[in-house]
Amino acid sequence: MKTEIIQPHHPELKNIVQYFILFKSKKDEKIDYSTFPNTNLCLAIYKQNKIILEQNKTNKHLFTLKGNATYKSYLSGFHESNLNVSIDASLDEVCIIFHPAALRLFTNISYDELIKSDEVFEMIFPKFATDFTEQLFEEKNSLKRISMLEHILLKSLNQDYLNTKTKEILYLIQQTDELKVGPLAKNLSMNESTLYRLFMNQIGQSPKTFLKTVRFRKALNSILHFEKEKLTHIAYQNNYTDQSHFIRDFKEITGQSPNQLRNKTSIQQEQLAWIYAQH
């Protein structure tokens, strides 16, 4: 499978879109990969694929198959454990990876409604729903595809949907090592119930789940990028109670210990951390 990760070009989009991903594979390729919980959201647009999501309390498995419909679009994210993906069809997929809460710059439709739809692009960008996706996939040049998407995003920005307090919350989380709900609410002069409602509306997750994911991603980044750093030091840096808490948390989220992840995980273009297998 060919994977391209492209950073947003326009300065106004750099704090909105983390990156774009383009996936392409041939029909005789069978591919499995796993990605880890993250705080971002992915808007994925497919050409002629059928997507089936199987989910239980501890696992999400997304199957990409050959479909009859021309174009489908899905919103994925809010994973509390690995997302396992199996591809058994030719694939032409374009993904927009949004920073936390950035989707609220384009729509006030509830996350629950968006997650259930297979026409998310049309819901978020109704002015461009008629023929844009067809034009997007007719374009074969990757950079031109991204330019087309950036044009749509810039034309659709609406600051009215984003609560100004949300920016303060995300900035505070980014700047502090304190990743607990109580102290966060206190720093923001909010009660925990108000903070919860704001998180669910603007970010799509509860504060507890979001903060747990932030801590996990910080620790995962250290594990994958600093191979000589001891796991005990990584646990301490990221406010795990002790190493056993650190290992237990990682096993609950990924099914793997931190050391197993260090050995199995690869990094695509210094951005995408995944466990990848092509058969």
Protein backbone atom coordinates (compact mmCIF):
# COMPACT_ATOMS: atom_id res chain seq x y z
CA MET A 1 0.00 0.00 0.00
CA LYS A 2 1.24 3.44 -0.89
CA THR A 3 0.88 5.96 1.93
CA GLU A 4 1.50 9.69 1.62
CA ILE A 5 1.35 12.08 4.56
CA ILE A 6 1.18 15.72 3.53
CA GLN A 7 1.28 18.75 5.83
CA PRO A 8 -1.20 21.59 5.25
CA HIS A 9 0.26 24.30 3.05
CA HIS A 10 -1.90 27.29 3.92
CA PRO A 11 -0.82 28.97 7.21
CA GLU A 12 -4.42 29.39 8.39
CA LEU A 13 -4.92 25.62 8.31
CA LYS A 14 -1.84 24.55 10.27
CA ASN A 15 -3.64 24.77 13.64
CA ILE A 16 -6.74 23.12 12.19
CA VAL A 17 -5.42 20.19 10.16
CA GLN A 18 -2.62 18.05 11.58
CA TYR A 19 -1.98 16.47 8.18
CA PHE A 20 -3.61 14.83 5.18
CA ILE A 21 -3.11 11.13 4.38
CA LEU A 22 -3.56 9.47 1.00
CA PHE A 23 -3.78 5.67 0.84
CA LYS A 24 -3.68 3.64 -2.38
CA SER A 25 -3.55 -0.12 -2.85
CA LYS A 26 -4.24 -2.64 -5.60
CA LYS A 27 -6.99 -5.25 -5.44
CA ASP A 28 -4.58 -8.16 -5.02
CA GLU A 29 -3.07 -6.65 -1.86
CA LYS A 30 -4.31 -7.80 1.53
CA ILE A 31 -3.32 -5.43 4.29
CA ASP A 32 -3.76 -5.31 8.04
CA TYR A 33 -2.69 -2.50 10.31
CA SER A 34 -3.40 -1.16 13.77
CA THR A 35 -3.34 2.45 14.88
CA PHE A 36 -3.41 3.71 18.44
CA PRO A 37 -5.82 6.01 20.29
CA ASN A 38 -5.22 9.66 19.49
CA THR A 39 -6.86 13.00 20.22
CA ASN A 40 -7.34 13.89 16.56
CA LEU A 41 -10.24 13.03 14.27
CA CYS A 42 -10.06 11.58 10.76
CA LEU A 43 -12.48 12.45 7.99
CA ALA A 44 -11.92 9.66 5.45
CA ILE A 45 -13.28 9.75 1.89
CA TYR A 46 -13.33 6.50 -0.10
CA LYS A 47 -13.90 5.68 -3.75
CA GLN A 48 -15.88 2.49 -4.38
CA ASN A 49 -15.33 0.89 -0.99
CA LYS A 50 -17.67 -0.63 1.57
CA ILE A 51 -16.72 -0.04 5.19
CA ILE A 52 -17.82 -2.37 7.99
CA LEU A 53 -17.02 -1.54 11.62
CA GLU A 54 -17.18 -4.29 14.23
CA GLN A 55 -16.91 -3.11 17.79
CA ASN A 56 -16.99 -4.49 21.31
CA LYS A 57 -15.91 -3.08 24.66
CA THR A 58 -12.20 -3.59 24.07
CA ASN A 59 -11.71 -3.62 20.30
CA LYS A 60 -12.64 -1.86 17.07
CA HIS A 61 -12.05 -3.58 13.75
CA LEU A 62 -12.66 -1.77 10.47
CA PHE A 63 -12.98 -3.84 7.29
CA THR A 64 -12.45 -2.15 3.91
CA LEU A 65 -14.12 -4.13 1.12
CA LYS A 66 -15.16 -3.59 -2.47
CA GLY A 67 -18.39 -1.60 -2.63
CA ASN A 68 -20.98 -0.55 -5.17
CA ALA A 69 -21.41 3.06 -4.09
CA THR A 70 -19.14 5.54 -5.80
CA TYR A 71 -18.07 7.67 -2.83
CA LYS A 72 -18.48 7.27 0.91
CA SER A 73 -17.10 9.36 3.77
CA TYR A 74 -16.73 8.53 7.45
CA LEU A 75 -15.57 10.20 10.63
CA SER A 76 -13.34 8.09 12.86
CA GLY A 77 -11.70 8.77 16.17
CA PHE A 78 -12.57 8.65 19.86
CA HIS A 79 -10.80 5.30 20.15
CA GLU A 80 -10.05 4.15 23.68
CA SER A 81 -8.13 1.15 22.34
CA ASN A 82 -6.42 0.16 19.09
CA LEU A 83 -8.25 0.55 15.79
CA ASN A 84 -7.53 -2.57 13.72
CA VAL A 85 -7.98 -2.17 9.95
CA SER A 86 -8.20 -4.94 7.34
CA ILE A 87 -8.14 -4.03 3.64
CA ASP A 88 -9.27 -6.62 1.10
CA ALA A 89 -10.00 -4.48 -1.97
CA SER A 90 -8.38 -1.88 -4.17
CA LEU A 91 -8.19 1.33 -2.18
CA ASP A 92 -8.17 5.02 -3.02
CA GLU A 93 -8.69 6.90 0.25
CA VAL A 94 -8.15 10.52 1.24
CA CYS A 95 -8.08 11.49 4.92
CA ILE A 96 -8.17 14.85 6.66
CA ILE A 97 -6.71 14.58 10.17
CA PHE A 98 -8.16 17.35 12.31
CA HIS A 99 -6.65 18.70 15.51
CA PRO A 100 -8.86 18.36 18.64
CA ALA A 101 -12.07 20.43 18.40
CA ALA A 102 -11.04 21.78 14.96
CA LEU A 103 -14.05 20.16 13.32
CA ARG A 104 -16.18 22.66 15.24
CA LEU A 105 -14.85 25.36 12.90
CA PHE A 106 -16.93 23.79 10.14
CA THR A 107 -20.07 22.33 11.70
CA ASN A 108 -22.21 22.25 14.84
CA ILE A 109 -23.74 18.85 14.00
CA SER A 110 -23.36 16.52 16.98
CA TYR A 111 -20.46 14.09 16.95
CA ASP A 112 -22.87 11.20 17.57
CA GLU A 113 -24.73 12.01 14.36
CA LEU A 114 -21.52 12.42 12.35
CA ILE A 115 -20.01 9.15 13.58
CA LYS A 116 -23.09 7.20 12.43
CA SER A 117 -23.10 8.61 8.89
CA ASP A 118 -21.44 7.34 5.70
CA GLU A 119 -21.88 10.76 4.08
CA VAL A 120 -19.96 12.91 6.55
CA PHE A 121 -18.32 15.07 3.90
CA GLU A 122 -21.73 16.04 2.51
CA MET A 123 -23.01 16.83 6.01
CA ILE A 124 -20.08 19.08 6.92
CA PHE A 125 -19.60 20.72 3.52
CA PRO A 126 -23.09 20.79 1.94
CA LYS A 127 -22.21 23.63 -0.47
CA PHE A 128 -19.63 21.38 -2.13
CA ALA A 129 -21.50 18.07 -1.93
CA THR A 130 -22.69 17.87 -5.53
CA ASP A 131 -19.60 17.00 -7.54
CA PHE A 132 -16.52 17.77 -5.44
CA THR A 133 -15.68 14.18 -4.45
CA GLU A 134 -15.86 13.09 -8.08
CA GLN A 135 -13.49 15.89 -9.08
CA LEU A 136 -11.20 15.03 -6.16
CA PHE A 137 -10.71 11.42 -7.26
CA GLU A 138 -10.42 12.32 -10.92
CA GLU A 139 -7.32 14.32 -9.95
CA LYS A 140 -4.34 11.94 -9.78
CA ASN A 141 -1.72 14.38 -8.51
CA SER A 142 -1.53 14.17 -4.70
CA LEU A 143 -0.54 17.78 -4.09
CA LYS A 144 -3.34 19.03 -6.33
CA ARG A 145 -5.81 16.89 -4.38
CA ILE A 146 -4.64 18.49 -1.15
CA SER A 147 -4.89 21.94 -2.69
CA MET A 148 -8.51 21.20 -3.62
CA LEU A 149 -9.28 20.12 -0.05
CA GLU A 150 -7.58 23.17 1.42
CA HIS A 151 -9.70 25.40 -0.81
CA ILE A 152 -12.89 23.76 0.53
CA LEU A 153 -11.72 24.08 4.13
CA LEU A 154 -10.80 27.76 3.80
CA LYS A 155 -14.13 28.56 2.15
CA SER A 156 -16.06 26.78 4.92
CA LEU A 157 -14.47 28.19 8.10
CA ASN A 158 -17.00 29.43 10.65
CA GLN A 159 -15.65 30.63 14.00
CA ASP A 160 -19.18 30.82 15.46
CA TYR A 161 -19.29 27.06 16.07
CA LEU A 162 -16.14 26.99 18.23
CA ASN A 163 -16.54 27.99 21.88
CA THR A 164 -13.74 30.41 22.82
CA LYS A 165 -13.21 28.55 26.11
CA THR A 166 -12.23 25.45 24.13
CA LYS A 167 -9.02 27.09 22.88
CA GLU A 168 -8.09 27.98 26.45
CA ILE A 169 -8.73 24.39 27.58
CA LEU A 170 -6.59 22.85 24.82
CA TYR A 171 -3.77 25.36 25.38
CA LEU A 172 -3.74 24.63 29.12
CA ILE A 173 -3.63 20.86 28.50
CA GLN A 174 -0.75 21.33 26.05
CA GLN A 175 1.25 23.46 28.47
CA THR A 176 0.75 21.58 31.73
CA ASP A 177 1.89 18.22 33.04
CA GLU A 178 -1.23 18.01 35.20
CA LEU A 179 -3.64 15.75 33.34
CA LYS A 180 -6.42 15.25 35.86
CA VAL A 181 -9.98 16.49 35.54
CA GLY A 182 -10.32 18.16 38.96
CA PRO A 183 -7.23 20.41 38.74
CA LEU A 184 -8.04 21.23 35.10
CA ALA A 185 -11.55 22.40 36.01
CA LYS A 186 -10.16 24.42 38.91
CA ASN A 187 -7.57 26.13 36.68
CA LEU A 188 -10.36 27.08 34.28
CA SER A 189 -12.68 28.28 37.08
CA MET A 190 -15.32 25.77 35.98
CA ASN A 191 -17.14 23.01 37.78
CA GLU A 192 -16.57 19.48 36.48
CA SER A 193 -20.12 19.12 35.11
CA THR A 194 -19.73 22.23 32.93
CA LEU A 195 -16.31 21.04 31.79
CA TYR A 196 -17.78 17.65 30.85
CA ARG A 197 -20.57 19.19 28.75
CA LEU A 198 -18.13 21.48 26.97
CA PHE A 199 -15.79 18.59 26.16
CA MET A 200 -18.57 16.41 24.80
CA ASN A 201 -19.95 19.19 22.61
CA GLN A 202 -16.70 20.68 21.36
CA ILE A 203 -14.18 17.82 21.44
CA GLY A 204 -16.44 14.76 21.39
CA GLN A 205 -14.96 12.91 24.37
CA SER A 206 -15.22 13.17 28.13
CA PRO A 207 -12.39 15.08 29.87
CA LYS A 208 -11.22 11.88 31.60
CA THR A 209 -10.93 9.90 28.35
CA PHE A 210 -9.32 12.79 26.47
CA LEU A 211 -6.70 13.41 29.18
CA LYS A 212 -5.92 9.70 29.39
CA THR A 213 -5.31 9.68 25.63
CA VAL A 214 -3.08 12.79 25.83
CA ARG A 215 -0.93 11.09 28.47
CA PHE A 216 -0.80 7.86 26.45
CA ARG A 217 0.30 9.67 23.27
CA LYS A 218 3.02 11.60 25.11
CA ALA A 219 4.37 8.37 26.57
CA LEU A 220 4.07 6.53 23.22
CA ASN A 221 5.99 9.30 21.49
CA SER A 222 8.85 8.91 23.99
CA ILE A 223 8.85 5.13 23.61
CA LEU A 224 9.07 5.28 19.82
CA HIS A 225 11.41 8.23 19.35
CA PHE A 226 13.82 7.78 22.24
CA GLU A 227 14.88 4.14 22.06
CA LYS A 228 17.54 4.43 24.76
CA GLU A 229 15.26 6.11 27.29
CA LYS A 230 14.32 3.79 30.14
CA LEU A 231 10.67 2.93 30.54
CA THR A 232 10.74 3.83 34.24
CA HIS A 233 11.82 7.36 33.31
CA ILE A 234 9.06 7.64 30.67
CA ALA A 235 6.49 6.49 33.23
CA TYR A 236 7.69 9.08 35.74
CA GLN A 237 7.76 11.88 33.14
CA ASN A 238 4.15 11.22 32.19
CA ASN A 239 2.74 11.09 35.72
CA TYR A 240 2.04 7.38 35.93
CA THR A 241 1.97 6.27 39.57
CA ASP A 242 4.69 3.70 38.96
CA GLN A 243 5.97 1.39 36.24
CA SER A 244 3.31 -1.25 36.91
CA HIS A 245 0.61 1.40 36.42
CA PHE A 246 2.34 2.45 33.19
CA ILE A 247 2.48 -1.12 31.83
CA ARG A 248 -1.09 -1.91 32.91
CA ASP A 249 -2.43 1.23 31.23
CA PHE A 250 -0.65 0.43 27.95
CA LYS A 251 -1.90 -3.16 27.95
CA GLU A 252 -5.47 -1.99 28.52
CA ILE A 253 -5.24 0.48 25.63
CA THR A 254 -3.18 -1.44 23.07
CA GLY A 255 -3.03 -5.06 24.21
CA GLN A 256 0.77 -4.70 24.25
CA SER A 257 3.32 -3.76 26.88
CA PRO A 258 5.40 -0.59 26.26
CA ASN A 259 8.42 -2.73 25.40
CA GLN A 260 6.42 -4.84 22.91
CA LEU A 261 5.15 -1.67 21.22
CA ARG A 262 8.69 -0.36 20.93
CA ASN A 263 9.67 -3.50 19.01
CA LYS A 264 6.56 -3.89 16.82
CA THR A 265 5.58 -0.33 15.89
CA SER A 266 6.85 1.51 12.82
CA ILE A 267 6.61 5.23 12.08
CA GLN A 268 5.49 6.44 8.66
CA GLN A 269 7.07 9.75 7.57
CA GLU A 270 7.72 10.63 11.23
CA GLN A 271 3.97 11.12 11.73
CA LEU A 272 1.92 7.94 11.66
CA ALA A 273 2.70 5.30 14.30
CA TRP A 274 1.21 1.92 13.44
CA ILE A 275 1.67 -1.85 13.37
CA TYR A 276 1.56 -2.73 9.68
CA ALA A 277 1.41 -6.02 7.79
CA GLN A 278 1.03 -6.63 4.04
CA HIS A 279 0.26 -10.20 2.98
